[in-house]
Amino acid sequence: QVRLVESGGGLVQPGGSLRLSCAASGSIFSIYAMGWYRQAPGQQRELV
């Protein structure tokens, strides 16, 4: 089993910055890619 622990989200004003982090652990054998997706209310999840 793979565990992904995310951090760094929050509230920011327009024009501001945030940094997200994601640490993976567990049954990791060969990573092909890592990334971020997002989902807004009422919308489909999309690749970021």
ModelCIF file with pLDDT and N, C-alpha, C, O atoms, coordinates in Angstrom:
data_MODEL
#
_entry.id   MODEL 
#
_entity.id                         1 
_entity.type                       polymer 
_entity.pdbx_number_of_molecules   1 
#
_entity_poly.entity_id                      1 
_entity_poly.type                           'polypeptide(L)' 
_entity_poly.nstd_linkage                   no 
_entity_poly.nstd_monomer                   no 
_entity_poly.pdbx_seq_one_letter_code       QVRLVESGGGLVQPGGSLRLSCAASGSIFSIYAMGWYRQAPGQQRELV 
_entity_poly.pdbx_seq_one_letter_code_can   QVRLVESGGGLVQPGGSLRLSCAASGSIFSIYAMGWYRQAPGQQRELV 
_entity_poly.pdbx_strand_id                 A 
#
loop_
_entity_poly_seq.entity_id 
_entity_poly_seq.num 
_entity_poly_seq.mon_id 
_entity_poly_seq.hetero 
1 1  GLN n 
1 2  VAL n 
1 3  ARG n 
1 4  LEU n 
1 5  VAL n 
1 6  GLU n 
1 7  SER n 
1 8  GLY n 
1 9  GLY n 
1 10 GLY n 
1 11 LEU n 
1 12 VAL n 
1 13 GLN n 
1 14 PRO n 
1 15 GLY n 
1 16 GLY n 
1 17 SER n 
1 18 LEU n 
1 19 ARG n 
1 20 LEU n 
1 21 SER n 
1 22 CYS n 
1 23 ALA n 
1 24 ALA n 
1 25 SER n 
1 26 GLY n 
1 27 SER n 
1 28 ILE n 
1 29 PHE n 
1 30 SER n 
1 31 ILE n 
1 32 TYR n 
1 33 ALA n 
1 34 MET n 
1 35 GLY n 
1 36 TRP n 
1 37 TYR n 
1 38 ARG n 
1 39 GLN n 
1 40 ALA n 
1 41 PRO n 
1 42 GLY n 
1 43 GLN n 
1 44 GLN n 
1 45 ARG n 
1 46 GLU n 
1 47 LEU n 
1 48 VAL n 
#
_struct_asym.id          A 
_struct_asym.entity_id   1 
#
loop_
_ma_qa_metric.id 
_ma_qa_metric.mode 
_ma_qa_metric.name 
_ma_qa_metric.software_group_id 
_ma_qa_metric.type 
1 global pLDDT . pLDDT 
2 local  pLDDT . pLDDT 
#
_ma_qa_metric_global.metric_id      1 
_ma_qa_metric_global.metric_value   94.48 
_ma_qa_metric_global.model_id       1 
_ma_qa_metric_global.ordinal_id     1 
#
loop_
_ma_qa_metric_local.label_asym_id 
_ma_qa_metric_local.label_comp_id 
_ma_qa_metric_local.label_seq_id 
_ma_qa_metric_local.metric_id 
_ma_qa_metric_local.metric_value 
_ma_qa_metric_local.model_id 
_ma_qa_metric_local.ordinal_id 
A GLN 1  2 88.00 1 1  
A VAL 2  2 92.00 1 2  
A ARG 3  2 95.00 1 3  
A LEU 4  2 96.00 1 4  
A VAL 5  2 95.00 1 5  
A GLU 6  2 95.00 1 6  
A SER 7  2 95.00 1 7  
A GLY 8  2 96.00 1 8  
A GLY 9  2 94.00 1 9  
A GLY 10 2 97.00 1 10 
A LEU 11 2 98.00 1 11 
A VAL 12 2 98.00 1 12 
A GLN 13 2 98.00 1 13 
A PRO 14 2 98.00 1 14 
A GLY 15 2 98.00 1 15 
A GLY 16 2 98.00 1 16 
A SER 17 2 98.00 1 17 
A LEU 18 2 98.00 1 18 
A ARG 19 2 98.00 1 19 
A LEU 20 2 98.00 1 20 
A SER 21 2 98.00 1 21 
A CYS 22 2 97.00 1 22 
A ALA 23 2 96.00 1 23 
A ALA 24 2 94.00 1 24 
A SER 25 2 91.00 1 25 
A GLY 26 2 89.00 1 26 
A SER 27 2 83.00 1 27 
A ILE 28 2 84.00 1 28 
A PHE 29 2 82.00 1 29 
A SER 30 2 85.00 1 30 
A ILE 31 2 83.00 1 31 
A TYR 32 2 87.00 1 32 
A ALA 33 2 94.00 1 33 
A MET 34 2 95.00 1 34 
A GLY 35 2 96.00 1 35 
A TRP 36 2 98.00 1 36 
A TYR 37 2 98.00 1 37 
A ARG 38 2 98.00 1 38 
A GLN 39 2 98.00 1 39 
A ALA 40 2 96.00 1 40 
A PRO 41 2 92.00 1 41 
A GLY 42 2 94.00 1 42 
A GLN 43 2 96.00 1 43 
A GLN 44 2 97.00 1 44 
A ARG 45 2 97.00 1 45 
A GLU 46 2 98.00 1 46 
A LEU 47 2 98.00 1 47 
A VAL 48 2 98.00 1 48 
#
loop_
_atom_site.group_PDB 
_atom_site.id 
_atom_site.type_symbol 
_atom_site.label_atom_id 
_atom_site.label_alt_id 
_atom_site.label_comp_id 
_atom_site.label_asym_id 
_atom_site.label_entity_id 
_atom_site.label_seq_id 
_atom_site.pdbx_PDB_ins_code 
_atom_site.Cartn_x 
_atom_site.Cartn_y 
_atom_site.Cartn_z 
_atom_site.occupancy 
_atom_site.B_iso_or_equiv 
_atom_site.pdbx_formal_charge 
_atom_site.auth_seq_id 
_atom_site.auth_comp_id 
_atom_site.auth_asym_id 
_atom_site.auth_atom_id 
_atom_site.pdbx_PDB_model_num 
ATOM 1   N N  . GLN A 1 1  ? 0.844   -1.196 0.000   1.00 88.00 ? 1  GLN A N  1 
ATOM 2   C CA . GLN A 1 1  ? 0.000   0.000  0.000   1.00 88.00 ? 1  GLN A CA 1 
ATOM 3   C C  . GLN A 1 1  ? 0.879   1.245  0.000   1.00 88.00 ? 1  GLN A C  1 
ATOM 4   O O  . GLN A 1 1  ? 1.899   1.298  0.687   1.00 88.00 ? 1  GLN A O  1 
ATOM 5   N N  . VAL A 1 2  ? 0.474   2.240  -0.774  1.00 92.00 ? 2  VAL A N  1 
ATOM 6   C CA . VAL A 1 2  ? 1.218   3.483  -0.874  1.00 92.00 ? 2  VAL A CA 1 
ATOM 7   C C  . VAL A 1 2  ? 0.503   4.548  -0.054  1.00 92.00 ? 2  VAL A C  1 
ATOM 8   O O  . VAL A 1 2  ? -0.721  4.667  -0.113  1.00 92.00 ? 2  VAL A O  1 
ATOM 9   N N  . ARG A 1 3  ? 1.262   5.314  0.703   1.00 95.00 ? 3  ARG A N  1 
ATOM 10  C CA . ARG A 1 3  ? 0.709   6.418  1.467   1.00 95.00 ? 3  ARG A CA 1 
ATOM 11  C C  . ARG A 1 3  ? 1.256   7.725  0.917   1.00 95.00 ? 3  ARG A C  1 
ATOM 12  O O  . ARG A 1 3  ? 2.465   7.886  0.746   1.00 95.00 ? 3  ARG A O  1 
ATOM 13  N N  . LEU A 1 4  ? 0.343   8.662  0.643   1.00 96.00 ? 4  LEU A N  1 
ATOM 14  C CA . LEU A 1 4  ? 0.727   9.983  0.149   1.00 96.00 ? 4  LEU A CA 1 
ATOM 15  C C  . LEU A 1 4  ? 0.260   11.016 1.168   1.00 96.00 ? 4  LEU A C  1 
ATOM 16  O O  . LEU A 1 4  ? -0.932  11.114 1.456   1.00 96.00 ? 4  LEU A O  1 
ATOM 17  N N  . VAL A 1 5  ? 1.192   11.776 1.706   1.00 95.00 ? 5  VAL A N  1 
ATOM 18  C CA . VAL A 1 5  ? 0.870   12.779 2.719   1.00 95.00 ? 5  VAL A CA 1 
ATOM 19  C C  . VAL A 1 5  ? 1.098   14.157 2.131   1.00 95.00 ? 5  VAL A C  1 
ATOM 20  O O  . VAL A 1 5  ? 2.223   14.529 1.795   1.00 95.00 ? 5  VAL A O  1 
ATOM 21  N N  . GLU A 1 6  ? 0.007   14.913 2.009   1.00 95.00 ? 6  GLU A N  1 
ATOM 22  C CA . GLU A 1 6  ? 0.051   16.241 1.402   1.00 95.00 ? 6  GLU A CA 1 
ATOM 23  C C  . GLU A 1 6  ? 0.083   17.312 2.475   1.00 95.00 ? 6  GLU A C  1 
ATOM 24  O O  . GLU A 1 6  ? -0.421  17.115 3.580   1.00 95.00 ? 6  GLU A O  1 
ATOM 25  N N  . SER A 1 7  ? 0.682   18.451 2.142   1.00 95.00 ? 7  SER A N  1 
ATOM 26  C CA . SER A 1 7  ? 0.694   19.588 3.051   1.00 95.00 ? 7  SER A CA 1 
ATOM 27  C C  . SER A 1 7  ? 0.859   20.862 2.236   1.00 95.00 ? 7  SER A C  1 
ATOM 28  O O  . SER A 1 7  ? 1.270   20.827 1.076   1.00 95.00 ? 7  SER A O  1 
ATOM 29  N N  . GLY A 1 8  ? 0.531   21.995 2.867   1.00 96.00 ? 8  GLY A N  1 
ATOM 30  C CA . GLY A 1 8  ? 0.789   23.288 2.245   1.00 96.00 ? 8  GLY A CA 1 
ATOM 31  C C  . GLY A 1 8  ? -0.420  24.034 1.737   1.00 96.00 ? 8  GLY A C  1 
ATOM 32  O O  . GLY A 1 8  ? -0.289  25.176 1.297   1.00 96.00 ? 8  GLY A O  1 
ATOM 33  N N  . GLY A 1 9  ? -1.592  23.431 1.782   1.00 94.00 ? 9  GLY A N  1 
ATOM 34  C CA . GLY A 1 9  ? -2.779  24.146 1.332   1.00 94.00 ? 9  GLY A CA 1 
ATOM 35  C C  . GLY A 1 9  ? -3.185  25.236 2.311   1.00 94.00 ? 9  GLY A C  1 
ATOM 36  O O  . GLY A 1 9  ? -2.611  25.361 3.393   1.00 94.00 ? 9  GLY A O  1 
ATOM 37  N N  . GLY A 1 10 ? -4.183  26.025 1.917   1.00 97.00 ? 10 GLY A N  1 
ATOM 38  C CA . GLY A 1 10 ? -4.660  27.069 2.804   1.00 97.00 ? 10 GLY A CA 1 
ATOM 39  C C  . GLY A 1 10 ? -5.390  28.158 2.061   1.00 97.00 ? 10 GLY A C  1 
ATOM 40  O O  . GLY A 1 10 ? -5.773  28.004 0.901   1.00 97.00 ? 10 GLY A O  1 
ATOM 41  N N  . LEU A 1 11 ? -5.575  29.271 2.760   1.00 98.00 ? 11 LEU A N  1 
ATOM 42  C CA . LEU A 1 11 ? -6.264  30.434 2.214   1.00 98.00 ? 11 LEU A CA 1 
ATOM 43  C C  . LEU A 1 11 ? -5.228  31.490 1.836   1.00 98.00 ? 11 LEU A C  1 
ATOM 44  O O  . LEU A 1 11 ? -4.340  31.811 2.625   1.00 98.00 ? 11 LEU A O  1 
ATOM 45  N N  . VAL A 1 12 ? -5.352  32.021 0.629   1.00 98.00 ? 12 VAL A N  1 
ATOM 46  C CA . VAL A 1 12 ? -4.417  33.030 0.158   1.00 98.00 ? 12 VAL A CA 1 
ATOM 47  C C  . VAL A 1 12 ? -5.177  34.054 -0.669  1.00 98.00 ? 12 VAL A C  1 
ATOM 48  O O  . VAL A 1 12 ? -6.188  33.736 -1.295  1.00 98.00 ? 12 VAL A O  1 
ATOM 49  N N  . GLN A 1 13 ? -4.685  35.280 -0.664  1.00 98.00 ? 13 GLN A N  1 
ATOM 50  C CA . GLN A 1 13 ? -5.312  36.325 -1.462  1.00 98.00 ? 13 GLN A CA 1 
ATOM 51  C C  . GLN A 1 13 ? -4.915  36.205 -2.922  1.00 98.00 ? 13 GLN A C  1 
ATOM 52  O O  . GLN A 1 13 ? -3.854  35.659 -3.227  1.00 98.00 ? 13 GLN A O  1 
ATOM 53  N N  . PRO A 1 14 ? -5.738  36.700 -3.827  1.00 98.00 ? 14 PRO A N  1 
ATOM 54  C CA . PRO A 1 14 ? -5.355  36.700 -5.252  1.00 98.00 ? 14 PRO A CA 1 
ATOM 55  C C  . PRO A 1 14 ? -4.001  37.371 -5.444  1.00 98.00 ? 14 PRO A C  1 
ATOM 56  O O  . PRO A 1 14 ? -3.702  38.412 -4.859  1.00 98.00 ? 14 PRO A O  1 
ATOM 57  N N  . GLY A 1 15 ? -3.199  36.732 -6.287  1.00 98.00 ? 15 GLY A N  1 
ATOM 58  C CA . GLY A 1 15 ? -1.843  37.205 -6.517  1.00 98.00 ? 15 GLY A CA 1 
ATOM 59  C C  . GLY A 1 15 ? -0.815  36.608 -5.588  1.00 98.00 ? 15 GLY A C  1 
ATOM 60  O O  . GLY A 1 15 ? 0.386   36.792 -5.789  1.00 98.00 ? 15 GLY A O  1 
ATOM 61  N N  . GLY A 1 16 ? -1.262  35.901 -4.583  1.00 98.00 ? 16 GLY A N  1 
ATOM 62  C CA . GLY A 1 16 ? -0.362  35.306 -3.610  1.00 98.00 ? 16 GLY A CA 1 
ATOM 63  C C  . GLY A 1 16 ? 0.217   33.985 -4.076  1.00 98.00 ? 16 GLY A C  1 
ATOM 64  O O  . GLY A 1 16 ? -0.020  33.539 -5.198  1.00 98.00 ? 16 GLY A O  1 
ATOM 65  N N  . SER A 1 17 ? 0.985   33.369 -3.184  1.00 98.00 ? 17 SER A N  1 
ATOM 66  C CA . SER A 1 17 ? 1.678   32.116 -3.497  1.00 98.00 ? 17 SER A CA 1 
ATOM 67  C C  . SER A 1 17 ? 1.448   31.074 -2.411  1.00 98.00 ? 17 SER A C  1 
ATOM 68  O O  . SER A 1 17 ? 1.227   31.398 -1.244  1.00 98.00 ? 17 SER A O  1 
ATOM 69  N N  . LEU A 1 18 ? 1.505   29.835 -2.822  1.00 98.00 ? 18 LEU A N  1 
ATOM 70  C CA . LEU A 1 18 ? 1.486   28.702 -1.905  1.00 98.00 ? 18 LEU A CA 1 
ATOM 71  C C  . LEU A 1 18 ? 2.406   27.632 -2.469  1.00 98.00 ? 18 LEU A C  1 
ATOM 72  O O  . LEU A 1 18 ? 2.645   27.567 -3.675  1.00 98.00 ? 18 LEU A O  1 
ATOM 73  N N  . ARG A 1 19 ? 2.918   26.793 -1.571  1.00 98.00 ? 19 ARG A N  1 
ATOM 74  C CA . ARG A 1 19 ? 3.729   25.656 -1.993  1.00 98.00 ? 19 ARG A CA 1 
ATOM 75  C C  . ARG A 1 19 ? 3.145   24.393 -1.393  1.00 98.00 ? 19 ARG A C  1 
ATOM 76  O O  . ARG A 1 19 ? 3.043   24.262 -0.173  1.00 98.00 ? 19 ARG A O  1 
ATOM 77  N N  . LEU A 1 20 ? 2.762   23.465 -2.257  1.00 98.00 ? 20 LEU A N  1 
ATOM 78  C CA . LEU A 1 20 ? 2.242   22.170 -1.820  1.00 98.00 ? 20 LEU A CA 1 
ATOM 79  C C  . LEU A 1 20 ? 3.371   21.143 -1.821  1.00 98.00 ? 20 LEU A C  1 
ATOM 80  O O  . LEU A 1 20 ? 4.265   21.176 -2.666  1.00 98.00 ? 20 LEU A O  1 
ATOM 81  N N  . SER A 1 21 ? 3.305   20.235 -0.856  1.00 98.00 ? 21 SER A N  1 
ATOM 82  C CA . SER A 1 21 ? 4.262   19.132 -0.782  1.00 98.00 ? 21 SER A CA 1 
ATOM 83  C C  . SER A 1 21 ? 3.496   17.829 -0.664  1.00 98.00 ? 21 SER A C  1 
ATOM 84  O O  . SER A 1 21 ? 2.396   17.787 -0.111  1.00 98.00 ? 21 SER A O  1 
ATOM 85  N N  . CYS A 1 22 ? 4.085   16.772 -1.186  1.00 97.00 ? 22 CYS A N  1 
ATOM 86  C CA . CYS A 1 22 ? 3.495   15.433 -1.081  1.00 97.00 ? 22 CYS A CA 1 
ATOM 87  C C  . CYS A 1 22 ? 4.620   14.425 -0.925  1.00 97.00 ? 22 CYS A C  1 
ATOM 88  O O  . CYS A 1 22 ? 5.471   14.278 -1.802  1.00 97.00 ? 22 CYS A O  1 
ATOM 89  N N  . ALA A 1 23 ? 4.607   13.737 0.203   1.00 96.00 ? 23 ALA A N  1 
ATOM 90  C CA . ALA A 1 23 ? 5.618   12.723 0.476   1.00 96.00 ? 23 ALA A CA 1 
ATOM 91  C C  . ALA A 1 23 ? 5.004   11.340 0.345   1.00 96.00 ? 23 ALA A C  1 
ATOM 92  O O  . ALA A 1 23 ? 3.955   11.063 0.925   1.00 96.00 ? 23 ALA A O  1 
ATOM 93  N N  . ALA A 1 24 ? 5.658   10.476 -0.417  1.00 94.00 ? 24 ALA A N  1 
ATOM 94  C CA . ALA A 1 24 ? 5.171   9.123  -0.656  1.00 94.00 ? 24 ALA A CA 1 
ATOM 95  C C  . ALA A 1 24 ? 5.967   8.113  0.163   1.00 94.00 ? 24 ALA A C  1 
ATOM 96  O O  . ALA A 1 24 ? 7.181   8.237  0.325   1.00 94.00 ? 24 ALA A O  1 
ATOM 97  N N  . SER A 1 25 ? 5.258   7.115  0.673   1.00 91.00 ? 25 SER A N  1 
ATOM 98  C CA . SER A 1 25 ? 5.918   6.029  1.411   1.00 91.00 ? 25 SER A CA 1 
ATOM 99  C C  . SER A 1 25 ? 5.129   4.746  1.208   1.00 91.00 ? 25 SER A C  1 
ATOM 100 O O  . SER A 1 25 ? 4.016   4.764  0.682   1.00 91.00 ? 25 SER A O  1 
ATOM 101 N N  . GLY A 1 26 ? 5.713   3.640  1.629   1.00 89.00 ? 26 GLY A N  1 
ATOM 102 C CA . GLY A 1 26 ? 5.019   2.360  1.523   1.00 89.00 ? 26 GLY A CA 1 
ATOM 103 C C  . GLY A 1 26 ? 5.532   1.530  0.358   1.00 89.00 ? 26 GLY A C  1 
ATOM 104 O O  . GLY A 1 26 ? 6.734   1.488  0.094   1.00 89.00 ? 26 GLY A O  1 
ATOM 105 N N  . SER A 1 27 ? 4.613   0.873  -0.334  1.00 83.00 ? 27 SER A N  1 
ATOM 106 C CA . SER A 1 27 ? 4.953   -0.086 -1.398  1.00 83.00 ? 27 SER A CA 1 
ATOM 107 C C  . SER A 1 27 ? 5.279   0.643  -2.704  1.00 83.00 ? 27 SER A C  1 
ATOM 108 O O  . SER A 1 27 ? 4.505   0.651  -3.661  1.00 83.00 ? 27 SER A O  1 
ATOM 109 N N  . ILE A 1 28 ? 6.458   1.250  -2.689  1.00 84.00 ? 28 ILE A N  1 
ATOM 110 C CA . ILE A 1 28 ? 6.911   1.988  -3.870  1.00 84.00 ? 28 ILE A CA 1 
ATOM 111 C C  . ILE A 1 28 ? 8.031   1.187  -4.512  1.00 84.00 ? 28 ILE A C  1 
ATOM 112 O O  . ILE A 1 28 ? 9.080   0.979  -3.903  1.00 84.00 ? 28 ILE A O  1 
ATOM 113 N N  . PHE A 1 29 ? 7.810   0.744  -5.726  1.00 82.00 ? 29 PHE A N  1 
ATOM 114 C CA . PHE A 1 29 ? 8.782   -0.095 -6.405  1.00 82.00 ? 29 PHE A CA 1 
ATOM 115 C C  . PHE A 1 29 ? 9.437   0.635  -7.572  1.00 82.00 ? 29 PHE A C  1 
ATOM 116 O O  . PHE A 1 29 ? 10.658  0.610  -7.726  1.00 82.00 ? 29 PHE A O  1 
ATOM 117 N N  . SER A 1 30 ? 8.623   1.277  -8.380  1.00 85.00 ? 30 SER A N  1 
ATOM 118 C CA . SER A 1 30 ? 9.157   1.956  -9.552  1.00 85.00 ? 30 SER A CA 1 
ATOM 119 C C  . SER A 1 30 ? 8.208   3.083  -9.919  1.00 85.00 ? 30 SER A C  1 
ATOM 120 O O  . SER A 1 30 ? 7.164   2.852  -10.528 1.00 85.00 ? 30 SER A O  1 
ATOM 121 N N  . ILE A 1 31 ? 8.571   4.298  -9.547  1.00 83.00 ? 31 ILE A N  1 
ATOM 122 C CA . ILE A 1 31 ? 7.708   5.441  -9.821  1.00 83.00 ? 31 ILE A CA 1 
ATOM 123 C C  . ILE A 1 31 ? 7.879   5.867  -11.273 1.00 83.00 ? 31 ILE A C  1 
ATOM 124 O O  . ILE A 1 31 ? 8.991   6.124  -11.735 1.00 83.00 ? 31 ILE A O  1 
ATOM 125 N N  . TYR A 1 32 ? 6.770   5.937  -11.972 1.00 87.00 ? 32 TYR A N  1 
ATOM 126 C CA . TYR A 1 32 ? 6.814   6.452  -13.340 1.00 87.00 ? 32 TYR A CA 1 
ATOM 127 C C  . TYR A 1 32 ? 6.651   7.964  -13.349 1.00 87.00 ? 32 TYR A C  1 
ATOM 128 O O  . TYR A 1 32 ? 7.349   8.672  -14.074 1.00 87.00 ? 32 TYR A O  1 
ATOM 129 N N  . ALA A 1 33 ? 5.724   8.446  -12.537 1.00 94.00 ? 33 ALA A N  1 
ATOM 130 C CA . ALA A 1 33 ? 5.491   9.886  -12.476 1.00 94.00 ? 33 ALA A CA 1 
ATOM 131 C C  . ALA A 1 33 ? 4.783   10.235 -11.183 1.00 94.00 ? 33 ALA A C  1 
ATOM 132 O O  . ALA A 1 33 ? 4.117   9.398  -10.573 1.00 94.00 ? 33 ALA A O  1 
ATOM 133 N N  . MET A 1 34 ? 4.937   11.480 -10.778 1.00 95.00 ? 34 MET A N  1 
ATOM 134 C CA . MET A 1 34 ? 4.167   12.038 -9.665  1.00 95.00 ? 34 MET A CA 1 
ATOM 135 C C  . MET A 1 34 ? 3.581   13.358 -10.121 1.00 95.00 ? 34 MET A C  1 
ATOM 136 O O  . MET A 1 34 ? 4.132   14.034 -10.990 1.00 95.00 ? 34 MET A O  1 
ATOM 137 N N  . GLY A 1 35 ? 2.461   13.715 -9.525  1.00 96.00 ? 35 GLY A N  1 
ATOM 138 C CA . GLY A 1 35 ? 1.849   14.962 -9.962  1.00 96.00 ? 35 GLY A CA 1 
ATOM 139 C C  . GLY A 1 35 ? 0.734   15.435 -9.078  1.00 96.00 ? 35 GLY A C  1 
ATOM 140 O O  . GLY A 1 35 ? 0.481   14.892 -8.002  1.00 96.00 ? 35 GLY A O  1 
ATOM 141 N N  . TRP A 1 36 ? 0.072   16.466 -9.562  1.00 98.00 ? 36 TRP A N  1 
ATOM 142 C CA . TRP A 1 36 ? -1.024  17.091 -8.838  1.00 98.00 ? 36 TRP A CA 1 
ATOM 143 C C  . TRP A 1 36 ? -2.233  17.228 -9.755  1.00 98.00 ? 36 TRP A C  1 
ATOM 144 O O  . TRP A 1 36 ? -2.117  17.630 -10.913 1.00 98.00 ? 36 TRP A O  1 
ATOM 145 N N  . TYR A 1 37 ? -3.386  16.887 -9.210  1.00 98.00 ? 37 TYR A N  1 
ATOM 146 C CA . TYR A 1 37 ? -4.667  17.115 -9.853  1.00 98.00 ? 37 TYR A CA 1 
ATOM 147 C C  . TYR A 1 37 ? -5.475  18.013 -8.925  1.00 98.00 ? 37 TYR A C  1 
ATOM 148 O O  . TYR A 1 37 ? -5.141  18.171 -7.751  1.00 98.00 ? 37 TYR A O  1 
ATOM 149 N N  . ARG A 1 38 ? -6.533  18.595 -9.459  1.00 98.00 ? 38 ARG A N  1 
ATOM 150 C CA . ARG A 1 38 ? -7.403  19.401 -8.607  1.00 98.00 ? 38 ARG A CA 1 
ATOM 151 C C  . ARG A 1 38 ? -8.850  19.208 -9.024  1.00 98.00 ? 38 ARG A C  1 
ATOM 152 O O  . ARG A 1 38 ? -9.166  18.865 -10.163 1.00 98.00 ? 38 ARG A O  1 
ATOM 153 N N  . GLN A 1 39 ? -9.719  19.449 -8.035  1.00 98.00 ? 39 GLN A N  1 
ATOM 154 C CA . GLN A 1 39 ? -11.150 19.320 -8.296  1.00 98.00 ? 39 GLN A CA 1 
ATOM 155 C C  . GLN A 1 39 ? -11.872 20.448 -7.586  1.00 98.00 ? 39 GLN A C  1 
ATOM 156 O O  . GLN A 1 39 ? -11.826 20.557 -6.361  1.00 98.00 ? 39 GLN A O  1 
ATOM 157 N N  . ALA A 1 40 ? -12.537 21.281 -8.362  1.00 96.00 ? 40 ALA A N  1 
ATOM 158 C CA . ALA A 1 40 ? -13.357 22.371 -7.821  1.00 96.00 ? 40 ALA A CA 1 
ATOM 159 C C  . ALA A 1 40 ? -14.780 21.859 -7.648  1.00 96.00 ? 40 ALA A C  1 
ATOM 160 O O  . ALA A 1 40 ? -15.166 20.886 -8.295  1.00 96.00 ? 40 ALA A O  1 
ATOM 161 N N  . PRO A 1 41 ? -15.555 22.488 -6.799  1.00 92.00 ? 41 PRO A N  1 
ATOM 162 C CA . PRO A 1 41 ? -16.937 22.041 -6.582  1.00 92.00 ? 41 PRO A CA 1 
ATOM 163 C C  . PRO A 1 41 ? -17.735 21.986 -7.884  1.00 92.00 ? 41 PRO A C  1 
ATOM 164 O O  . PRO A 1 41 ? -17.757 22.945 -8.655  1.00 92.00 ? 41 PRO A O  1 
ATOM 165 N N  . GLY A 1 42 ? -18.381 20.857 -8.110  1.00 94.00 ? 42 GLY A N  1 
ATOM 166 C CA . GLY A 1 42 ? -19.214 20.702 -9.291  1.00 94.00 ? 42 GLY A CA 1 
ATOM 167 C C  . GLY A 1 42 ? -18.453 20.442 -10.569 1.00 94.00 ? 42 GLY A C  1 
ATOM 168 O O  . GLY A 1 42 ? -19.047 20.396 -11.646 1.00 94.00 ? 42 GLY A O  1 
ATOM 169 N N  . GLN A 1 43 ? -17.138 20.269 -10.467 1.00 96.00 ? 43 GLN A N  1 
ATOM 170 C CA . GLN A 1 43 ? -16.338 20.044 -11.663 1.00 96.00 ? 43 GLN A CA 1 
ATOM 171 C C  . GLN A 1 43 ? -15.584 18.722 -11.560 1.00 96.00 ? 43 GLN A C  1 
ATOM 172 O O  . GLN A 1 43 ? -15.426 18.156 -10.478 1.00 96.00 ? 43 GLN A O  1 
ATOM 173 N N  . GLN A 1 44 ? -15.127 18.252 -12.712 1.00 97.00 ? 44 GLN A N  1 
ATOM 174 C CA . GLN A 1 44 ? -14.351 17.021 -12.740 1.00 97.00 ? 44 GLN A CA 1 
ATOM 175 C C  . GLN A 1 44 ? -12.915 17.276 -12.279 1.00 97.00 ? 44 GLN A C  1 
ATOM 176 O O  . GLN A 1 44 ? -12.403 18.391 -12.374 1.00 97.00 ? 44 GLN A O  1 
ATOM 177 N N  . ARG A 1 45 ? -12.295 16.237 -11.788 1.00 97.00 ? 45 ARG A N  1 
ATOM 178 C CA . ARG A 1 45 ? -10.893 16.327 -11.405 1.00 97.00 ? 45 ARG A CA 1 
ATOM 179 C C  . ARG A 1 45 ? -10.056 16.520 -12.672 1.00 97.00 ? 45 ARG A C  1 
ATOM 180 O O  . ARG A 1 45 ? -10.282 15.859 -13.686 1.00 97.00 ? 45 ARG A O  1 
ATOM 181 N N  . GLU A 1 46 ? -9.091  17.431 -12.597 1.00 98.00 ? 46 GLU A N  1 
ATOM 182 C CA . GLU A 1 46 ? -8.277  17.736 -13.762 1.00 98.00 ? 46 GLU A CA 1 
ATOM 183 C C  . GLU A 1 46 ? -6.798  17.739 -13.397 1.00 98.00 ? 46 GLU A C  1 
ATOM 184 O O  . GLU A 1 46 ? -6.417  18.013 -12.259 1.00 98.00 ? 46 GLU A O  1 
ATOM 185 N N  . LEU A 1 47 ? -5.986  17.431 -14.383 1.00 98.00 ? 47 LEU A N  1 
ATOM 186 C CA . LEU A 1 47 ? -4.546  17.462 -14.193 1.00 98.00 ? 47 LEU A CA 1 
ATOM 187 C C  . LEU A 1 47 ? -4.079  18.904 -14.044 1.00 98.00 ? 47 LEU A C  1 
ATOM 188 O O  . LEU A 1 47 ? -4.484  19.783 -14.805 1.00 98.00 ? 47 LEU A O  1 
ATOM 189 N N  . VAL A 1 48 ? -3.224  19.132 -13.057 1.00 98.00 ? 48 VAL A N  1 
ATOM 190 C CA . VAL A 1 48 ? -2.587  20.433 -12.880 1.00 98.00 ? 48 VAL A CA 1 
ATOM 191 C C  . VAL A 1 48 ? -1.154  20.373 -13.417 1.00 98.00 ? 48 VAL A C  1 
ATOM 192 O O  . VAL A 1 48 ? -0.433  21.370 -13.366 1.00 98.00 ? 48 VAL A O  1 
#
